[in-house]
Amino acid sequence: MKINNKVQAGRFLAIVVVGALLPFGAALAQSQPGFDQREAERQKKALEEQRKAREASEGQQQFGDKVSYADVLKDPDNVDLNFRYAKSQIADGNVRGAAGTLERILLVTPDLPQIRLTYAIVLYRLDNIDEAEREFNRLKKLKMAASLRAEIDRFLAAIKQRRQKTKYRVQFSAGVKRDSNVNAAPRSGRILAAGLEFAPIGRGQKQKDYAILGIIAADVRQDLGKQSRDEIFAGVSYYHNEQFAIDPQDLQSGGANFGLKLPFENFVFTPKFTYTNLRLSREKFFSGYAAELRFDRSKVIPAWGIAGHFLVRGTRENFHQISETTTGLQRTGFRWEWEMGLNKQINPQHRLEGAAKFTRKLPQSFAPNDYRGYKIGLRHSWALGEGQFILSSASYEAKLYKQEDPAVTPFQVRHDNLVRLSVTYGAPLGTMLDRLSLGKEGNVYYDALKDITWTITGELTEQGSNIRNFSYANRRAQMMFSRTWNF
């Protein structure tokens, strides 16, 4: 009898221990928001924004002191003063006015290469492609510095590509990043499991790590030959994140998309379909199918020069159980997103964008993962000239869950608040080589390096939560080298 009592007591103790460890393991798996399928999407979007920022900065000049029309009236025959006035108009965003000023200068002095180059660039920005091409070709007949001739060739190549009905683009980026808390471990150093408090062990503790990143994306656009300039487009991409030490955070993501761009009189309508497949720690973790409808309007508030967009996206999210996290299946379901944004080109150097997004997550079976998300974001783009740029962004997101998760705590319904701040500086390596006096004349590798964009990014992520498992901070430093080929 005593033996049986001991056996039963042992069995009871084992059940208690296992019962305690099971929710602990579940809580540990769920306390790592670093398992986010949207990390690859964020990196790809950042690469595209950096490409656009460099293109906006190409050909930008440092204009110096502003010159007013009143200054010109005091000395109307001063060519240098009139040219500075034209550049002041460009800096203020009055590109059409600058074209008129430059035309007046060229009537008197038609063979000044720098002024005619500026005039040709202004025509290009006004989308007057035929006249811009004539001006660039006329410029090529004049004597000028090699740097000006290279600038002309770049614009002529861009004009040629814009006239193509089929356009191809390939982007490649590679670099390194460092995260101070790669696994998003809780800042308190404690977690809850079934309402009980534990100290995380092993990979549940805060870990910093470096990673090598690689992104390659290719897309094709076909003009459908209509006067409205309708387009059909398709693209593929691959993202690779290889951690130095924390292998469970290794991430590989592949995707494909296709859609239509349909301009109408007052807006542009873009339906788009996307497929994404993601592997975490070398195992298939996520696959998603998304359909998106986007509307862009260039004159939301015409008097202020404000444009805007609206989009709705629905995604079928399929998560899979892998060795590193056994709770993936609980996140399977649908995600719906509605976004509205406004943007303003303040002047040729500065662009400001703001957006508000509402997200509805509808899990297929596990109710505690059902939430509503509210996000607002602001982004500023600063074109510094010569391809250099600064991108800065700030966003705030709140997630309000509908039901408590008993594996974490049966007493609280989860509410998260996430703040993310980011600053990126980018510049063509050619510009940096020129500044270091290592330009074309002194560097045999100049031609291979000049079109590569170097970027360095600092990012701060702070998430607060009423449940300690999900309150964390991460600081990231990232450096990338990128190249774009247009065909």
Protein backbone atom coordinates (compact mmCIF):
# COMPACT_ATOMS: atom_id res chain seq x y z
CA MET A 1 0.00 0.00 0.00
CA LYS A 2 2.83 2.37 0.88
CA ILE A 3 4.49 1.62 -2.42
CA ASN A 4 1.27 2.36 -4.31
CA ASN A 5 0.89 5.63 -2.42
CA LYS A 6 4.42 6.62 -3.39
CA VAL A 7 3.74 5.73 -7.04
CA GLN A 8 0.55 7.77 -7.07
CA ALA A 9 2.30 10.67 -5.40
CA GLY A 10 5.06 10.50 -8.01
CA ARG A 11 2.53 10.44 -10.81
CA PHE A 12 0.73 13.45 -9.31
CA LEU A 13 4.02 15.35 -9.00
CA ALA A 14 4.92 14.54 -12.62
CA ILE A 15 1.53 15.76 -13.83
CA VAL A 16 1.97 19.01 -11.88
CA VAL A 17 5.47 19.55 -13.32
CA VAL A 18 4.42 18.78 -16.90
CA GLY A 19 1.31 20.90 -16.49
CA ALA A 20 3.49 23.80 -15.40
CA LEU A 21 6.06 23.35 -18.15
CA LEU A 22 3.55 23.13 -21.01
CA PRO A 23 2.11 26.62 -20.58
CA PHE A 24 5.62 27.87 -19.86
CA GLY A 25 6.76 26.57 -23.26
CA ALA A 26 3.72 28.02 -24.98
CA ALA A 27 4.27 31.39 -23.33
CA LEU A 28 7.93 31.30 -24.30
CA ALA A 29 7.06 30.68 -27.96
CA GLN A 30 4.51 33.49 -27.95
CA SER A 31 6.79 35.94 -26.16
CA GLN A 32 8.94 36.31 -29.25
CA PRO A 33 7.27 38.77 -31.64
CA GLY A 34 10.51 38.66 -33.64
CA PHE A 35 8.81 35.84 -35.58
CA ASP A 36 7.12 38.38 -37.85
CA GLN A 37 6.39 37.46 -41.46
CA ARG A 38 6.33 41.17 -42.38
CA GLU A 39 10.04 41.76 -41.69
CA ALA A 40 10.94 40.74 -45.25
CA GLU A 41 8.17 42.97 -46.61
CA ARG A 42 9.50 45.95 -44.61
CA GLN A 43 13.03 45.45 -45.95
CA LYS A 44 11.83 45.21 -49.58
CA LYS A 45 9.70 48.33 -49.19
CA ALA A 46 12.66 50.22 -47.72
CA LEU A 47 14.82 49.23 -50.70
CA GLU A 48 12.20 50.57 -53.12
CA GLU A 49 11.86 53.84 -51.19
CA GLN A 50 15.63 54.30 -51.22
CA ARG A 51 15.71 53.78 -55.00
CA LYS A 52 13.04 56.46 -55.49
CA ALA A 53 14.84 58.84 -53.12
CA ARG A 54 18.10 58.50 -55.04
CA GLU A 55 16.33 59.11 -58.37
CA ALA A 56 14.66 62.21 -56.92
CA SER A 57 18.05 63.47 -55.77
CA GLU A 58 19.86 62.81 -59.06
CA GLY A 59 20.66 66.12 -60.75
CA GLN A 60 19.67 68.18 -57.71
CA GLN A 61 21.98 71.12 -57.17
CA GLN A 62 22.95 73.14 -54.13
CA PHE A 63 21.30 76.44 -55.00
CA GLY A 64 22.94 78.75 -52.50
CA ASP A 65 21.34 82.04 -51.51
CA LYS A 66 17.82 82.75 -52.72
CA VAL A 67 17.31 85.42 -55.39
CA SER A 68 13.97 87.21 -55.74
CA TYR A 69 12.33 88.73 -58.81
CA ALA A 70 12.88 92.16 -57.23
CA ASP A 71 16.64 91.43 -57.24
CA VAL A 72 16.48 90.60 -60.95
CA LEU A 73 14.65 93.85 -61.76
CA LYS A 74 17.54 95.82 -60.28
CA ASP A 75 19.97 94.27 -62.78
CA PRO A 76 17.91 92.53 -65.54
CA ASP A 77 20.86 91.99 -67.91
CA ASN A 78 22.96 90.12 -65.35
CA VAL A 79 23.06 86.54 -66.69
CA ASP A 80 24.45 85.06 -63.47
CA LEU A 81 21.76 86.78 -61.39
CA ASN A 82 19.01 85.51 -63.70
CA PHE A 83 20.41 81.98 -63.54
CA ARG A 84 20.48 82.10 -59.73
CA TYR A 85 16.88 83.31 -59.82
CA ALA A 86 15.92 80.31 -62.00
CA LYS A 87 17.58 77.97 -59.52
CA SER A 88 15.71 79.67 -56.68
CA GLN A 89 12.46 79.02 -58.55
CA ILE A 90 13.39 75.35 -58.89
CA ALA A 91 14.20 75.17 -55.16
CA ASP A 92 10.74 76.62 -54.42
CA GLY A 93 9.05 74.03 -56.65
CA ASN A 94 8.15 76.52 -59.40
CA VAL A 95 9.65 74.41 -62.21
CA ARG A 96 7.42 75.92 -64.91
CA GLY A 97 8.43 79.44 -63.91
CA ALA A 98 12.11 78.40 -63.97
CA ALA A 99 11.65 77.15 -67.55
CA GLY A 100 10.46 80.64 -68.62
CA THR A 101 13.42 82.31 -66.87
CA LEU A 102 15.94 79.95 -68.49
CA GLU A 103 14.37 80.47 -71.93
CA ARG A 104 14.92 84.24 -71.58
CA ILE A 105 18.57 83.70 -70.63
CA LEU A 106 19.18 81.36 -73.58
CA LEU A 107 17.73 83.87 -76.05
CA VAL A 108 20.64 86.16 -75.16
CA THR A 109 23.38 83.61 -74.42
CA PRO A 110 22.51 80.32 -76.16
CA ASP A 111 25.85 78.53 -75.73
CA LEU A 112 26.32 78.32 -71.96
CA PRO A 113 26.43 74.55 -71.21
CA GLN A 114 25.49 74.72 -67.52
CA ILE A 115 22.41 76.89 -68.17
CA ARG A 116 21.26 74.82 -71.14
CA LEU A 117 21.73 71.62 -69.13
CA THR A 118 19.56 73.03 -66.34
CA TYR A 119 16.94 74.01 -68.94
CA ALA A 120 16.96 70.50 -70.43
CA ILE A 121 16.55 68.95 -66.96
CA VAL A 122 13.62 71.29 -66.25
CA LEU A 123 11.94 70.20 -69.50
CA TYR A 124 12.48 66.57 -68.51
CA ARG A 125 10.84 67.17 -65.13
CA LEU A 126 7.92 68.87 -66.87
CA ASP A 127 7.50 65.63 -68.88
CA ASN A 128 8.27 67.48 -72.11
CA ILE A 129 10.37 64.56 -73.32
CA ASP A 130 10.75 65.50 -77.01
CA GLU A 131 12.05 69.02 -76.32
CA ALA A 132 14.25 67.77 -73.49
CA GLU A 133 15.85 65.23 -75.83
CA ARG A 134 16.53 67.92 -78.45
CA GLU A 135 18.19 70.12 -75.81
CA PHE A 136 20.37 67.26 -74.51
CA ASN A 137 21.48 66.35 -78.05
CA ARG A 138 22.25 70.00 -78.78
CA LEU A 139 24.33 70.15 -75.62
CA LYS A 140 26.45 67.19 -76.71
CA LYS A 141 27.83 69.34 -79.57
CA LEU A 142 29.27 71.91 -77.15
CA LYS A 143 32.59 71.78 -75.33
CA MET A 144 32.08 70.91 -71.67
CA ALA A 145 33.51 69.09 -68.69
CA ALA A 146 33.39 65.30 -68.65
CA SER A 147 31.05 65.37 -65.64
CA LEU A 148 28.45 67.41 -67.56
CA ARG A 149 28.68 65.06 -70.54
CA ALA A 150 28.10 62.07 -68.26
CA GLU A 151 25.03 63.83 -66.84
CA ILE A 152 23.66 64.32 -70.38
CA ASP A 153 24.19 60.66 -71.28
CA ARG A 154 22.33 59.61 -68.13
CA PHE A 155 19.27 61.68 -69.01
CA LEU A 156 19.28 60.54 -72.64
CA ALA A 157 19.33 56.92 -71.45
CA ALA A 158 16.40 57.68 -69.12
CA ILE A 159 14.43 59.24 -71.97
CA LYS A 160 15.08 56.22 -74.18
CA GLN A 161 13.83 53.88 -71.45
CA ARG A 162 10.70 55.95 -70.80
CA ARG A 163 9.74 55.52 -74.45
CA GLN A 164 10.02 51.73 -74.32
CA LYS A 165 6.75 49.83 -74.18
CA THR A 166 8.35 47.03 -72.19
CA LYS A 167 10.52 47.99 -69.22
CA TYR A 168 12.61 45.69 -67.05
CA ARG A 169 14.15 46.46 -63.68
CA VAL A 170 16.45 44.39 -61.45
CA GLN A 171 17.41 45.51 -57.95
CA PHE A 172 20.02 43.88 -55.75
CA SER A 173 20.99 44.81 -52.21
CA ALA A 174 23.35 43.23 -49.69
CA GLY A 175 24.65 44.28 -46.31
CA VAL A 176 24.81 43.66 -42.59
CA LYS A 177 22.68 44.58 -39.57
CA ARG A 178 22.94 44.36 -35.80
CA ASP A 179 19.98 43.98 -33.44
CA SER A 180 20.28 44.59 -29.71
CA ASN A 181 17.33 42.25 -28.99
CA VAL A 182 16.94 40.02 -32.03
CA ASN A 183 14.44 37.68 -30.38
CA ALA A 184 12.31 40.51 -28.88
CA ALA A 185 12.75 39.21 -25.33
CA PRO A 186 10.69 41.04 -22.67
CA ARG A 187 12.37 44.10 -21.17
CA SER A 188 11.48 43.05 -17.60
CA GLY A 189 13.36 39.77 -17.89
CA ARG A 190 10.25 37.95 -16.69
CA ILE A 191 7.39 36.19 -18.51
CA LEU A 192 3.96 34.91 -17.61
CA ALA A 193 2.77 31.35 -18.20
CA ALA A 194 -0.76 30.40 -17.15
CA GLY A 195 -0.75 33.52 -15.00
CA LEU A 196 2.43 32.50 -13.17
CA GLU A 197 5.67 34.45 -13.40
CA PHE A 198 8.91 32.86 -14.66
CA ALA A 199 12.42 33.91 -15.60
CA PRO A 200 13.01 32.93 -19.27
CA ILE A 201 15.84 30.50 -19.92
CA GLY A 202 18.04 29.78 -22.95
CA ARG A 203 16.75 31.41 -26.13
CA GLY A 204 13.96 33.14 -24.20
CA GLN A 205 16.53 35.57 -22.76
CA LYS A 206 17.52 38.80 -24.52
CA GLN A 207 20.02 38.14 -27.32
CA LYS A 208 21.94 40.51 -29.56
CA ASP A 209 23.28 39.37 -32.89
CA TYR A 210 24.58 40.38 -36.32
CA ALA A 211 23.10 39.20 -39.61
CA ILE A 212 23.99 39.25 -43.30
CA LEU A 213 21.15 40.47 -45.52
CA GLY A 214 20.46 40.01 -49.23
CA ILE A 215 17.55 41.15 -51.40
CA ILE A 216 17.02 40.65 -55.10
CA ALA A 217 13.92 41.80 -56.96
CA ALA A 218 13.00 41.86 -60.64
CA ASP A 219 9.94 43.27 -62.36
CA VAL A 220 8.64 43.89 -65.85
CA ARG A 221 6.12 46.48 -67.03
CA GLN A 222 4.29 46.41 -70.35
CA ASP A 223 2.58 49.47 -71.80
CA LEU A 224 -0.72 48.28 -73.28
CA GLY A 225 -0.47 50.86 -76.05
CA LYS A 226 -3.51 52.90 -75.07
CA GLN A 227 -3.63 56.67 -74.88
CA SER A 228 -4.35 56.43 -71.16
CA ARG A 229 -0.99 54.63 -70.70
CA ASP A 230 -2.44 51.51 -69.08
CA GLU A 231 0.20 49.06 -67.82
CA ILE A 232 0.41 45.45 -66.80
CA PHE A 233 3.22 44.50 -64.42
CA ALA A 234 4.69 41.43 -62.73
CA GLY A 235 7.58 40.85 -60.37
CA VAL A 236 9.47 38.34 -58.23
CA SER A 237 11.67 38.85 -55.19
CA TYR A 238 13.81 36.95 -52.69
CA TYR A 239 14.98 38.05 -49.24
CA HIS A 240 17.63 36.30 -47.13
CA ASN A 241 18.52 37.02 -43.49
CA GLU A 242 21.38 34.90 -42.15
CA GLN A 243 22.11 35.40 -38.45
CA PHE A 244 25.69 35.05 -37.22
CA ALA A 245 24.82 33.21 -33.99
CA ILE A 246 21.05 32.91 -33.44
CA ASP A 247 20.19 30.40 -36.16
CA PRO A 248 16.49 30.10 -35.19
CA GLN A 249 16.08 33.68 -36.45
CA ASP A 250 17.40 32.86 -39.96
CA LEU A 251 14.80 34.00 -42.45
CA GLN A 252 14.23 33.37 -46.16
CA SER A 253 11.30 34.85 -48.06
CA GLY A 254 10.27 34.55 -51.70
CA GLY A 255 7.38 36.28 -53.39
CA ALA A 256 5.68 37.03 -56.68
CA ASN A 257 3.15 39.64 -57.75
CA PHE A 258 1.25 40.83 -60.80
CA GLY A 259 -1.31 43.51 -61.47
CA LEU A 260 -2.60 46.36 -63.62
CA LYS A 261 -2.09 50.13 -63.52
CA LEU A 262 -5.16 51.85 -64.96
CA PRO A 263 -5.08 55.68 -65.13
CA PHE A 264 -8.46 57.44 -65.27
CA GLU A 265 -9.26 61.13 -65.52
CA ASN A 266 -9.05 61.89 -61.79
CA PHE A 267 -7.28 58.89 -60.27
CA VAL A 268 -5.12 55.83 -60.93
CA PHE A 269 -6.56 52.41 -60.09
CA THR A 270 -4.10 49.57 -59.36
CA PRO A 271 -5.36 46.05 -58.60
CA LYS A 272 -2.55 43.74 -57.45
CA PHE A 273 -2.17 40.08 -56.45
CA THR A 274 0.70 38.77 -54.33
CA TYR A 275 2.03 35.41 -53.12
CA THR A 276 4.59 35.12 -50.30
CA ASN A 277 6.42 32.09 -48.93
CA LEU A 278 8.59 32.38 -45.82
CA ARG A 279 11.01 29.97 -44.16
CA LEU A 280 12.16 30.43 -40.57
CA SER A 281 15.17 28.48 -39.31
CA ARG A 282 15.18 26.50 -42.60
CA GLU A 283 11.58 25.32 -42.14
CA LYS A 284 8.44 26.50 -43.94
CA PHE A 285 6.76 28.87 -41.53
CA PHE A 286 4.34 31.01 -43.55
CA SER A 287 2.62 31.30 -46.92
CA GLY A 288 0.18 34.02 -47.87
CA TYR A 289 -2.06 35.04 -50.76
CA ALA A 290 -3.07 38.70 -50.96
CA ALA A 291 -5.36 40.78 -53.18
CA GLU A 292 -5.02 44.56 -53.10
CA LEU A 293 -6.99 47.45 -54.62
CA ARG A 294 -5.27 50.84 -54.61
CA PHE A 295 -6.51 54.26 -55.70
CA ASP A 296 -4.11 57.20 -56.19
CA ARG A 297 -5.27 60.76 -56.75
CA SER A 298 -2.83 63.57 -57.57
CA LYS A 299 -5.15 66.41 -56.49
CA VAL A 300 -6.83 65.62 -53.19
CA ILE A 301 -6.42 69.23 -52.00
CA PRO A 302 -5.37 71.10 -55.20
CA ALA A 303 -4.88 74.47 -53.51
CA TRP A 304 -2.22 72.98 -51.22
CA GLY A 305 -0.71 70.60 -53.77
CA ILE A 306 -1.63 67.56 -51.70
CA ALA A 307 -2.03 64.12 -53.30
CA GLY A 308 -3.32 60.97 -51.67
CA HIS A 309 -4.12 57.28 -51.87
CA PHE A 310 -6.52 54.70 -50.49
CA LEU A 311 -6.04 50.94 -50.48
CA VAL A 312 -7.72 47.83 -49.18
CA ARG A 313 -5.87 44.52 -48.91
CA GLY A 314 -7.04 41.06 -47.93
CA THR A 315 -4.53 38.31 -47.10
CA ARG A 316 -5.04 34.63 -46.45
CA GLU A 317 -2.29 33.78 -43.96
CA ASN A 318 -1.21 30.16 -43.54
CA PHE A 319 1.18 29.48 -40.66
CA HIS A 320 2.88 26.15 -40.07
CA GLN A 321 4.14 24.40 -36.98
CA ILE A 322 7.93 24.21 -36.91
CA SER A 323 10.45 23.00 -34.36
CA GLU A 324 11.26 26.54 -33.17
CA THR A 325 7.65 27.55 -32.51
CA THR A 326 4.75 25.16 -32.11
CA THR A 327 2.09 27.88 -31.95
CA GLY A 328 2.24 28.92 -35.61
CA LEU A 329 -1.00 27.17 -36.56
CA GLN A 330 -2.86 29.36 -34.07
CA ARG A 331 -2.12 32.43 -36.25
CA THR A 332 -3.62 31.00 -39.46
CA GLY A 333 -6.54 33.03 -40.78
CA PHE A 334 -7.33 36.25 -42.64
CA ARG A 335 -5.85 39.71 -42.31
CA TRP A 336 -7.75 42.73 -43.65
CA GLU A 337 -6.09 46.14 -44.03
CA TRP A 338 -7.48 49.55 -44.94
CA GLU A 339 -5.06 52.44 -45.49
CA MET A 340 -5.48 56.09 -46.37
CA GLY A 341 -2.57 58.46 -46.96
CA LEU A 342 -1.69 61.99 -48.04
CA ASN A 343 1.57 63.31 -49.47
CA LYS A 344 2.97 66.67 -50.50
CA GLN A 345 6.03 67.59 -52.53
CA ILE A 346 6.98 70.64 -50.48
CA ASN A 347 9.74 71.53 -52.97
CA PRO A 348 12.13 69.52 -55.15
CA GLN A 349 14.21 68.62 -52.09
CA HIS A 350 11.53 67.77 -49.52
CA ARG A 351 8.61 65.37 -49.64
CA LEU A 352 6.27 64.58 -46.74
CA GLU A 353 3.93 61.58 -46.48
CA GLY A 354 1.44 60.56 -43.83
CA ALA A 355 -0.80 57.50 -43.61
CA ALA A 356 -3.35 55.88 -41.29
CA LYS A 357 -4.06 52.15 -41.36
CA PHE A 358 -6.68 49.92 -39.77
CA THR A 359 -5.99 46.16 -39.51
CA ARG A 360 -8.38 43.37 -38.65
CA LYS A 361 -6.88 39.97 -37.88
CA LEU A 362 -9.36 37.08 -37.98
CA PRO A 363 -7.72 33.82 -36.87
CA GLN A 364 -9.24 30.63 -38.16
CA SER A 365 -9.52 28.82 -34.83
CA PHE A 366 -7.55 30.44 -31.98
CA ALA A 367 -9.62 33.38 -30.67
CA PRO A 368 -6.85 34.99 -28.51
CA ASN A 369 -5.04 35.99 -31.74
CA ASP A 370 -8.07 38.01 -32.91
CA TYR A 371 -7.20 41.74 -32.81
CA ARG A 372 -7.83 45.20 -34.21
CA GLY A 373 -4.83 47.31 -35.16
CA TYR A 374 -4.60 51.10 -35.52
CA LYS A 375 -1.49 52.66 -37.04
CA ILE A 376 -0.38 56.15 -38.02
CA GLY A 377 2.91 56.97 -39.72
CA LEU A 378 4.86 59.92 -41.05
CA ARG A 379 7.74 59.82 -43.54
CA HIS A 380 10.04 62.60 -44.74
CA SER A 381 12.30 62.38 -47.78
CA TRP A 382 15.12 64.90 -48.23
CA ALA A 383 16.98 64.99 -51.56
CA LEU A 384 20.43 66.41 -50.81
CA GLY A 385 21.62 66.51 -54.41
CA GLU A 386 24.06 64.37 -56.39
CA GLY A 387 22.01 61.27 -55.52
CA GLN A 388 22.33 61.75 -51.75
CA PHE A 389 19.24 61.55 -49.56
CA ILE A 390 17.94 61.23 -46.01
CA LEU A 391 14.81 59.22 -45.24
CA SER A 392 13.25 59.53 -41.81
CA SER A 393 10.07 57.94 -40.49
CA ALA A 394 8.03 57.61 -37.32
CA SER A 395 5.05 55.37 -36.66
CA TYR A 396 2.76 54.43 -33.80
CA GLU A 397 0.64 51.26 -33.76
CA ALA A 398 -1.87 49.96 -31.22
CA LYS A 399 -3.15 46.38 -31.21
CA LEU A 400 -6.23 45.58 -29.17
CA TYR A 401 -6.89 41.86 -28.74
CA LYS A 402 -10.38 40.53 -28.13
CA GLN A 403 -9.77 37.68 -25.71
CA GLU A 404 -7.28 36.62 -23.07
CA ASP A 405 -4.85 33.77 -23.81
CA PRO A 406 -4.95 31.27 -20.91
CA ALA A 407 -1.54 29.86 -21.86
CA VAL A 408 -0.07 33.28 -20.99
CA THR A 409 -2.50 34.67 -18.44
CA PRO A 410 -6.21 34.06 -18.00
CA PHE A 411 -6.65 37.39 -16.20
CA GLN A 412 -5.76 40.01 -18.85
CA VAL A 413 -6.69 40.76 -22.47
CA ARG A 414 -3.57 41.82 -24.37
CA HIS A 415 -3.08 45.44 -25.52
CA ASP A 416 0.16 46.43 -27.33
CA ASN A 417 1.55 49.84 -28.32
CA LEU A 418 4.48 49.93 -30.75
CA VAL A 419 6.62 52.96 -31.66
CA ARG A 420 9.18 52.73 -34.45
CA LEU A 421 11.65 55.49 -35.41
CA SER A 422 14.04 55.19 -38.35
CA VAL A 423 16.61 57.37 -40.15
CA THR A 424 18.50 56.40 -43.33
CA TYR A 425 21.27 58.26 -45.13
CA GLY A 426 22.14 57.16 -48.66
CA ALA A 427 24.58 58.22 -51.35
CA PRO A 428 25.99 56.85 -54.61
CA LEU A 429 29.50 55.47 -54.17
CA GLY A 430 30.46 57.57 -57.20
CA THR A 431 29.65 60.75 -55.27
CA MET A 432 31.70 59.56 -52.30
CA LEU A 433 34.65 58.63 -54.51
CA ASP A 434 34.53 62.08 -56.13
CA ARG A 435 34.51 63.75 -52.72
CA LEU A 436 37.57 61.70 -51.74
CA SER A 437 39.30 62.69 -55.01
CA LEU A 438 39.11 59.07 -56.12
CA GLY A 439 36.93 59.74 -59.16
CA LYS A 440 37.08 58.39 -62.67
CA GLU A 441 40.57 59.72 -63.33
CA GLY A 442 42.11 58.08 -60.28
CA ASN A 443 40.20 54.85 -59.71
CA VAL A 444 40.07 51.96 -62.16
CA TYR A 445 37.00 50.61 -60.33
CA TYR A 446 35.03 53.86 -60.65
CA ASP A 447 32.69 52.71 -63.43
CA ALA A 448 31.79 49.54 -61.55
CA LEU A 449 31.16 51.35 -58.26
CA LYS A 450 29.63 54.71 -59.22
CA ASP A 451 26.05 53.44 -59.55
CA ILE A 452 26.03 51.51 -56.27
CA THR A 453 24.05 53.18 -53.50
CA TRP A 454 25.43 52.99 -49.97
CA THR A 455 22.94 53.39 -47.11
CA ILE A 456 23.23 53.37 -43.36
CA THR A 457 20.14 53.06 -41.16
CA GLY A 458 19.45 53.49 -37.47
CA GLU A 459 16.15 52.16 -36.13
CA LEU A 460 14.54 52.13 -32.70
CA THR A 461 11.60 49.85 -31.88
CA GLU A 462 9.79 50.21 -28.55
CA GLN A 463 6.76 48.07 -27.75
CA GLY A 464 4.77 48.47 -24.58
CA SER A 465 2.15 45.98 -23.45
CA ASN A 466 -0.07 45.35 -20.46
CA ILE A 467 1.35 41.79 -20.47
CA ARG A 468 5.07 41.68 -19.72
CA ASN A 469 5.76 38.92 -22.29
CA PHE A 470 5.20 41.36 -25.16
CA SER A 471 6.89 44.51 -23.84
CA TYR A 472 10.34 44.82 -25.44
CA ALA A 473 12.84 47.20 -27.10
CA ASN A 474 15.23 46.70 -29.99
CA ARG A 475 17.88 48.95 -31.50
CA ARG A 476 19.09 48.23 -35.00
CA ALA A 477 22.01 49.51 -37.04
CA GLN A 478 22.09 48.47 -40.69
CA MET A 479 24.38 49.10 -43.65
CA MET A 480 23.50 48.11 -47.22
CA PHE A 481 24.93 48.38 -50.73
CA SER A 482 22.37 48.44 -53.56
CA ARG A 483 22.36 48.55 -57.34
CA THR A 484 19.52 48.96 -59.84
CA TRP A 485 19.60 47.97 -63.50
CA ASN A 486 16.97 49.30 -65.95
CA PHE A 487 16.54 47.71 -69.37
